[in-house]
Amino acid sequence: MIQLYHNPRCSKSRETLALLEQTASEQQLRLEVIDYQKTPLTLEQLQTLLTQLGGDVQAMLRSNEEEYSAASLAGADSLRALQAIVTTPKLLQRPIVSYQGQAVIARPPELALGLFQKVNP
């Protein structure tokens, strides 16, 4: 199953959703769309995503958000950064696509397609 951590107000997230809908249809895969602002992720879910993304917690953070600066998250360790995302979901970089134990931040959206090539060469 493909999981998309999605913000419907974000144009890149909407573009990624369109690409994933096509890919899921072509490859007969299920697509789960998770609006992480309506259904915030738990610390455990975020830790799993961090591992799937390769371990760079700063890449998961939206450093241009006011809350990022207010919480002094530049250089924050993983636990502190992930806890900040738990309490303020809009800090999560978007969109994130997870598939078969791997994940990618789909900026630009086409990066999501590379995830399927890695998993299904």
N, C-alpha and C. Protein backbone atom coordinates (compact mmCIF):
# COMPACT_ATOMS: atom_id res chain seq x y z
N MET A 1 0.84 -1.18 0.00
CA MET A 1 0.00 0.00 0.00
C MET A 1 0.88 1.25 0.00
N ILE A 2 0.46 2.22 -0.74
CA ILE A 2 1.12 3.53 -0.78
C ILE A 2 0.45 4.40 0.27
N GLN A 3 1.25 5.12 1.03
CA GLN A 3 0.70 6.09 1.98
C GLN A 3 1.20 7.48 1.58
N LEU A 4 0.26 8.41 1.53
CA LEU A 4 0.59 9.80 1.25
C LEU A 4 0.20 10.63 2.45
N TYR A 5 1.18 11.29 3.04
CA TYR A 5 0.93 12.24 4.13
C TYR A 5 0.72 13.57 3.44
N HIS A 6 -0.51 14.05 3.50
CA HIS A 6 -1.04 15.02 2.57
C HIS A 6 -1.63 16.23 3.28
N ASN A 7 -1.43 17.39 2.65
CA ASN A 7 -2.12 18.61 3.07
C ASN A 7 -2.87 19.10 1.83
N PRO A 8 -4.20 19.01 1.83
CA PRO A 8 -4.95 19.36 0.62
C PRO A 8 -4.82 20.81 0.20
N ARG A 9 -4.35 21.68 1.08
CA ARG A 9 -4.17 23.10 0.72
C ARG A 9 -2.84 23.36 0.01
N CYS A 10 -1.99 22.36 -0.04
CA CYS A 10 -0.65 22.51 -0.64
C CYS A 10 -0.67 22.05 -2.09
N SER A 11 -0.23 22.90 -3.00
CA SER A 11 -0.26 22.55 -4.42
C SER A 11 0.66 21.36 -4.72
N LYS A 12 1.83 21.29 -4.10
CA LYS A 12 2.75 20.16 -4.33
C LYS A 12 2.13 18.86 -3.83
N SER A 13 1.42 18.94 -2.73
CA SER A 13 0.75 17.76 -2.19
C SER A 13 -0.37 17.30 -3.12
N ARG A 14 -1.12 18.24 -3.66
CA ARG A 14 -2.20 17.88 -4.60
C ARG A 14 -1.61 17.28 -5.89
N GLU A 15 -0.50 17.84 -6.37
CA GLU A 15 0.15 17.29 -7.57
C GLU A 15 0.65 15.88 -7.31
N THR A 16 1.21 15.66 -6.13
CA THR A 16 1.70 14.33 -5.76
C THR A 16 0.54 13.35 -5.68
N LEU A 17 -0.57 13.78 -5.11
CA LEU A 17 -1.75 12.92 -5.03
C LEU A 17 -2.19 12.49 -6.42
N ALA A 18 -2.21 13.40 -7.36
CA ALA A 18 -2.62 13.05 -8.73
C ALA A 18 -1.66 12.02 -9.34
N LEU A 19 -0.36 12.20 -9.14
CA LEU A 19 0.62 11.24 -9.66
C LEU A 19 0.44 9.87 -9.01
N LEU A 20 0.20 9.88 -7.70
CA LEU A 20 0.04 8.61 -6.98
C LEU A 20 -1.25 7.90 -7.35
N GLU A 21 -2.31 8.65 -7.59
CA GLU A 21 -3.57 8.03 -8.02
C GLU A 21 -3.35 7.30 -9.34
N GLN A 22 -2.62 7.92 -10.25
CA GLN A 22 -2.33 7.29 -11.55
C GLN A 22 -1.45 6.05 -11.35
N THR A 23 -0.39 6.19 -10.55
CA THR A 23 0.51 5.07 -10.30
C THR A 23 -0.21 3.91 -9.62
N ALA A 24 -1.02 4.23 -8.62
CA ALA A 24 -1.75 3.18 -7.91
C ALA A 24 -2.69 2.44 -8.86
N SER A 25 -3.33 3.18 -9.75
CA SER A 25 -4.24 2.57 -10.71
C SER A 25 -3.47 1.67 -11.68
N GLU A 26 -2.36 2.17 -12.20
CA GLU A 26 -1.57 1.40 -13.17
C GLU A 26 -0.98 0.14 -12.55
N GLN A 27 -0.54 0.23 -11.30
CA GLN A 27 0.13 -0.90 -10.66
C GLN A 27 -0.81 -1.69 -9.74
N GLN A 28 -2.08 -1.33 -9.75
CA GLN A 28 -3.11 -2.00 -8.95
C GLN A 28 -2.70 -2.05 -7.47
N LEU A 29 -2.35 -0.87 -6.95
CA LEU A 29 -1.97 -0.73 -5.55
C LEU A 29 -3.01 0.10 -4.82
N ARG A 30 -3.11 -0.14 -3.51
CA ARG A 30 -3.99 0.70 -2.69
C ARG A 30 -3.25 1.97 -2.31
N LEU A 31 -3.98 3.05 -2.25
CA LEU A 31 -3.44 4.34 -1.87
C LEU A 31 -4.19 4.84 -0.65
N GLU A 32 -3.47 5.09 0.42
CA GLU A 32 -4.06 5.66 1.62
C GLU A 32 -3.59 7.11 1.73
N VAL A 33 -4.53 8.01 1.78
CA VAL A 33 -4.23 9.44 1.88
C VAL A 33 -4.50 9.86 3.32
N ILE A 34 -3.47 10.38 3.97
CA ILE A 34 -3.55 10.76 5.38
C ILE A 34 -3.40 12.28 5.48
N ASP A 35 -4.47 12.94 5.83
CA ASP A 35 -4.42 14.39 6.07
C ASP A 35 -3.87 14.55 7.50
N TYR A 36 -2.57 14.76 7.58
CA TYR A 36 -1.89 14.75 8.88
C TYR A 36 -2.28 15.93 9.77
N GLN A 37 -2.95 16.92 9.22
CA GLN A 37 -3.40 18.02 10.08
C GLN A 37 -4.73 17.66 10.75
N LYS A 38 -5.56 16.87 10.07
CA LYS A 38 -6.81 16.41 10.67
C LYS A 38 -6.59 15.20 11.56
N THR A 39 -5.63 14.37 11.19
CA THR A 39 -5.29 13.18 11.96
C THR A 39 -3.80 13.23 12.25
N PRO A 40 -3.40 13.97 13.30
CA PRO A 40 -1.97 14.14 13.59
C PRO A 40 -1.28 12.79 13.85
N LEU A 41 -0.04 12.73 13.43
CA LEU A 41 0.75 11.51 13.60
C LEU A 41 1.26 11.42 15.03
N THR A 42 1.42 10.20 15.49
CA THR A 42 1.98 9.96 16.82
C THR A 42 3.51 10.03 16.73
N LEU A 43 4.13 10.11 17.88
CA LEU A 43 5.58 10.11 17.93
C LEU A 43 6.13 8.83 17.29
N GLU A 44 5.51 7.71 17.56
CA GLU A 44 5.95 6.44 16.98
C GLU A 44 5.84 6.45 15.45
N GLN A 45 4.74 6.96 14.92
CA GLN A 45 4.57 7.03 13.47
C GLN A 45 5.63 7.94 12.85
N LEU A 46 5.91 9.05 13.51
CA LEU A 46 6.92 9.97 13.00
C LEU A 46 8.31 9.36 13.05
N GLN A 47 8.60 8.58 14.09
CA GLN A 47 9.91 7.92 14.18
C GLN A 47 10.07 6.91 13.05
N THR A 48 9.00 6.21 12.73
CA THR A 48 9.04 5.27 11.60
C THR A 48 9.29 6.02 10.30
N LEU A 49 8.59 7.10 10.07
CA LEU A 49 8.80 7.91 8.87
C LEU A 49 10.23 8.43 8.80
N LEU A 50 10.74 8.89 9.92
CA LEU A 50 12.11 9.41 9.96
C LEU A 50 13.10 8.34 9.51
N THR A 51 12.92 7.13 9.99
CA THR A 51 13.79 6.02 9.58
C THR A 51 13.64 5.76 8.08
N GLN A 52 12.41 5.73 7.60
CA GLN A 52 12.16 5.48 6.17
C GLN A 52 12.76 6.57 5.29
N LEU A 53 12.82 7.78 5.81
CA LEU A 53 13.36 8.91 5.06
C LEU A 53 14.88 8.99 5.12
N GLY A 54 15.49 8.20 5.96
CA GLY A 54 16.94 8.20 6.02
C GLY A 54 17.54 8.87 7.24
N GLY A 55 16.70 9.36 8.15
CA GLY A 55 17.19 9.83 9.43
C GLY A 55 17.48 11.31 9.57
N ASP A 56 17.23 12.13 8.57
CA ASP A 56 17.50 13.57 8.68
C ASP A 56 16.24 14.29 9.15
N VAL A 57 16.15 14.50 10.46
CA VAL A 57 14.94 15.10 11.03
C VAL A 57 14.72 16.53 10.53
N GLN A 58 15.78 17.26 10.26
CA GLN A 58 15.61 18.63 9.79
C GLN A 58 14.91 18.67 8.43
N ALA A 59 15.11 17.64 7.62
CA ALA A 59 14.43 17.58 6.32
C ALA A 59 12.92 17.40 6.50
N MET A 60 12.51 16.84 7.61
CA MET A 60 11.08 16.62 7.88
C MET A 60 10.38 17.89 8.35
N LEU A 61 11.15 18.90 8.71
CA LEU A 61 10.57 20.11 9.29
C LEU A 61 10.40 21.21 8.26
N ARG A 62 9.32 21.95 8.39
CA ARG A 62 9.09 23.13 7.55
C ARG A 62 9.72 24.33 8.25
N SER A 63 10.94 24.61 7.87
CA SER A 63 11.72 25.65 8.55
C SER A 63 11.20 27.06 8.28
N ASN A 64 10.33 27.21 7.30
CA ASN A 64 9.79 28.54 7.00
C ASN A 64 8.56 28.89 7.84
N GLU A 65 8.10 27.97 8.67
CA GLU A 65 6.94 28.25 9.52
C GLU A 65 7.38 29.05 10.75
N GLU A 66 6.52 29.95 11.18
CA GLU A 66 6.78 30.78 12.35
C GLU A 66 7.05 29.93 13.59
N GLU A 67 6.32 28.83 13.72
CA GLU A 67 6.46 27.95 14.88
C GLU A 67 7.85 27.29 14.94
N TYR A 68 8.47 27.10 13.80
CA TYR A 68 9.82 26.52 13.74
C TYR A 68 10.80 27.45 14.44
N SER A 69 10.75 28.72 14.09
CA SER A 69 11.63 29.70 14.72
C SER A 69 11.29 29.90 16.19
N ALA A 70 9.99 29.99 16.49
CA ALA A 70 9.56 30.23 17.86
C ALA A 70 10.01 29.11 18.79
N ALA A 71 10.07 27.88 18.29
CA ALA A 71 10.49 26.75 19.11
C ALA A 71 11.99 26.49 19.03
N SER A 72 12.71 27.33 18.29
CA SER A 72 14.18 27.17 18.13
C SER A 72 14.53 25.75 17.69
N LEU A 73 13.94 25.32 16.58
CA LEU A 73 14.12 23.95 16.13
C LEU A 73 15.33 23.75 15.22
N ALA A 74 15.98 24.82 14.80
CA ALA A 74 17.19 24.67 13.99
C ALA A 74 18.23 23.92 14.82
N GLY A 75 18.67 22.79 14.31
CA GLY A 75 19.65 21.99 15.03
C GLY A 75 19.07 21.13 16.14
N ALA A 76 17.75 21.09 16.27
CA ALA A 76 17.11 20.28 17.32
C ALA A 76 17.39 18.80 17.07
N ASP A 77 17.51 18.04 18.17
CA ASP A 77 17.68 16.60 18.01
C ASP A 77 16.36 15.97 17.55
N SER A 78 16.43 14.72 17.17
CA SER A 78 15.28 14.04 16.59
C SER A 78 14.07 14.03 17.52
N LEU A 79 14.29 13.68 18.77
CA LEU A 79 13.16 13.58 19.70
C LEU A 79 12.45 14.91 19.85
N ARG A 80 13.21 15.97 20.06
CA ARG A 80 12.60 17.30 20.24
C ARG A 80 11.88 17.75 18.98
N ALA A 81 12.49 17.52 17.82
CA ALA A 81 11.87 17.92 16.55
C ALA A 81 10.58 17.14 16.31
N LEU A 82 10.61 15.84 16.55
CA LEU A 82 9.41 15.03 16.32
C LEU A 82 8.31 15.38 17.31
N GLN A 83 8.67 15.67 18.54
CA GLN A 83 7.66 16.09 19.52
C GLN A 83 7.03 17.41 19.09
N ALA A 84 7.81 18.28 18.49
CA ALA A 84 7.26 19.55 17.99
C ALA A 84 6.24 19.29 16.87
N ILE A 85 6.52 18.31 16.02
CA ILE A 85 5.58 17.97 14.95
C ILE A 85 4.30 17.36 15.54
N VAL A 86 4.44 16.55 16.59
CA VAL A 86 3.27 15.96 17.24
C VAL A 86 2.35 17.07 17.74
N THR A 87 2.92 18.08 18.38
CA THR A 87 2.09 19.15 18.96
C THR A 87 1.68 20.20 17.92
N THR A 88 2.46 20.34 16.85
CA THR A 88 2.16 21.32 15.80
C THR A 88 2.33 20.64 14.44
N PRO A 89 1.31 19.90 13.99
CA PRO A 89 1.44 19.10 12.76
C PRO A 89 1.85 19.90 11.52
N LYS A 90 1.53 21.19 11.48
CA LYS A 90 1.89 21.94 10.27
C LYS A 90 3.39 22.07 10.08
N LEU A 91 4.18 21.69 11.09
CA LEU A 91 5.63 21.71 10.97
C LEU A 91 6.16 20.56 10.10
N LEU A 92 5.32 19.56 9.83
CA LEU A 92 5.76 18.42 9.02
C LEU A 92 5.88 18.84 7.56
N GLN A 93 7.05 18.57 7.00
CA GLN A 93 7.26 18.85 5.57
C GLN A 93 6.30 17.99 4.77
N ARG A 94 5.89 18.48 3.64
CA ARG A 94 4.90 17.78 2.83
C ARG A 94 5.23 17.91 1.36
N PRO A 95 4.72 17.00 0.60
CA PRO A 95 4.08 15.75 0.97
C PRO A 95 5.13 14.66 1.20
N ILE A 96 4.79 13.69 2.00
CA ILE A 96 5.65 12.53 2.23
C ILE A 96 4.92 11.30 1.69
N VAL A 97 5.66 10.51 0.93
CA VAL A 97 5.12 9.28 0.36
C VAL A 97 5.90 8.12 0.96
N SER A 98 5.17 7.13 1.45
CA SER A 98 5.78 5.93 2.03
C SER A 98 5.27 4.71 1.26
N TYR A 99 6.23 3.82 0.96
CA TYR A 99 5.87 2.60 0.23
C TYR A 99 6.90 1.53 0.53
N GLN A 100 6.45 0.39 1.00
CA GLN A 100 7.27 -0.78 1.28
C GLN A 100 8.54 -0.45 2.07
N GLY A 101 8.38 0.29 3.16
CA GLY A 101 9.49 0.55 4.06
C GLY A 101 10.42 1.68 3.66
N GLN A 102 10.10 2.36 2.59
CA GLN A 102 10.90 3.50 2.12
C GLN A 102 9.98 4.71 2.05
N ALA A 103 10.56 5.89 2.19
CA ALA A 103 9.75 7.12 2.08
C ALA A 103 10.58 8.20 1.40
N VAL A 104 9.85 9.17 0.88
CA VAL A 104 10.49 10.31 0.22
C VAL A 104 9.62 11.54 0.44
N ILE A 105 10.27 12.68 0.58
CA ILE A 105 9.57 13.96 0.58
C ILE A 105 9.45 14.35 -0.88
N ALA A 106 8.23 14.40 -1.36
CA ALA A 106 7.97 14.57 -2.79
C ALA A 106 7.95 16.04 -3.20
N ARG A 107 9.09 16.67 -3.10
CA ARG A 107 9.27 18.05 -3.53
C ARG A 107 10.47 18.07 -4.46
N PRO A 108 10.31 18.06 -5.74
CA PRO A 108 9.06 18.15 -6.51
C PRO A 108 8.30 16.82 -6.49
N PRO A 109 7.03 16.85 -6.88
CA PRO A 109 6.18 15.66 -6.82
C PRO A 109 6.75 14.45 -7.55
N GLU A 110 7.49 14.67 -8.62
CA GLU A 110 8.04 13.56 -9.40
C GLU A 110 9.01 12.69 -8.60
N LEU A 111 9.54 13.21 -7.50
CA LEU A 111 10.41 12.40 -6.65
C LEU A 111 9.68 11.16 -6.12
N ALA A 112 8.38 11.24 -5.99
CA ALA A 112 7.61 10.11 -5.50
C ALA A 112 7.72 8.92 -6.46
N LEU A 113 7.82 9.18 -7.74
CA LEU A 113 7.90 8.10 -8.72
C LEU A 113 9.20 7.32 -8.58
N GLY A 114 10.27 8.00 -8.19
CA GLY A 114 11.54 7.33 -7.97
C GLY A 114 11.47 6.29 -6.87
N LEU A 115 10.60 6.50 -5.92
CA LEU A 115 10.41 5.56 -4.83
C LEU A 115 9.96 4.20 -5.38
N PHE A 116 9.10 4.20 -6.36
CA PHE A 116 8.60 2.96 -6.93
C PHE A 116 9.67 2.28 -7.78
N GLN A 117 10.52 3.05 -8.43
CA GLN A 117 11.61 2.47 -9.22
C GLN A 117 12.63 1.81 -8.31
N LYS A 118 12.88 2.40 -7.11
CA LYS A 118 13.82 1.79 -6.16
C LYS A 118 13.28 0.47 -5.65
N VAL A 119 11.99 0.45 -5.37
CA VAL A 119 11.38 -0.74 -4.78
C VAL A 119 11.09 -1.79 -5.85
N ASN A 120 10.67 -1.34 -7.02
CA ASN A 120 10.32 -2.25 -8.12
C ASN A 120 11.20 -1.96 -9.34
N PRO A 121 12.48 -2.37 -9.31
CA PRO A 121 13.37 -2.05 -10.43
C PRO A 121 12.95 -2.74 -11.71
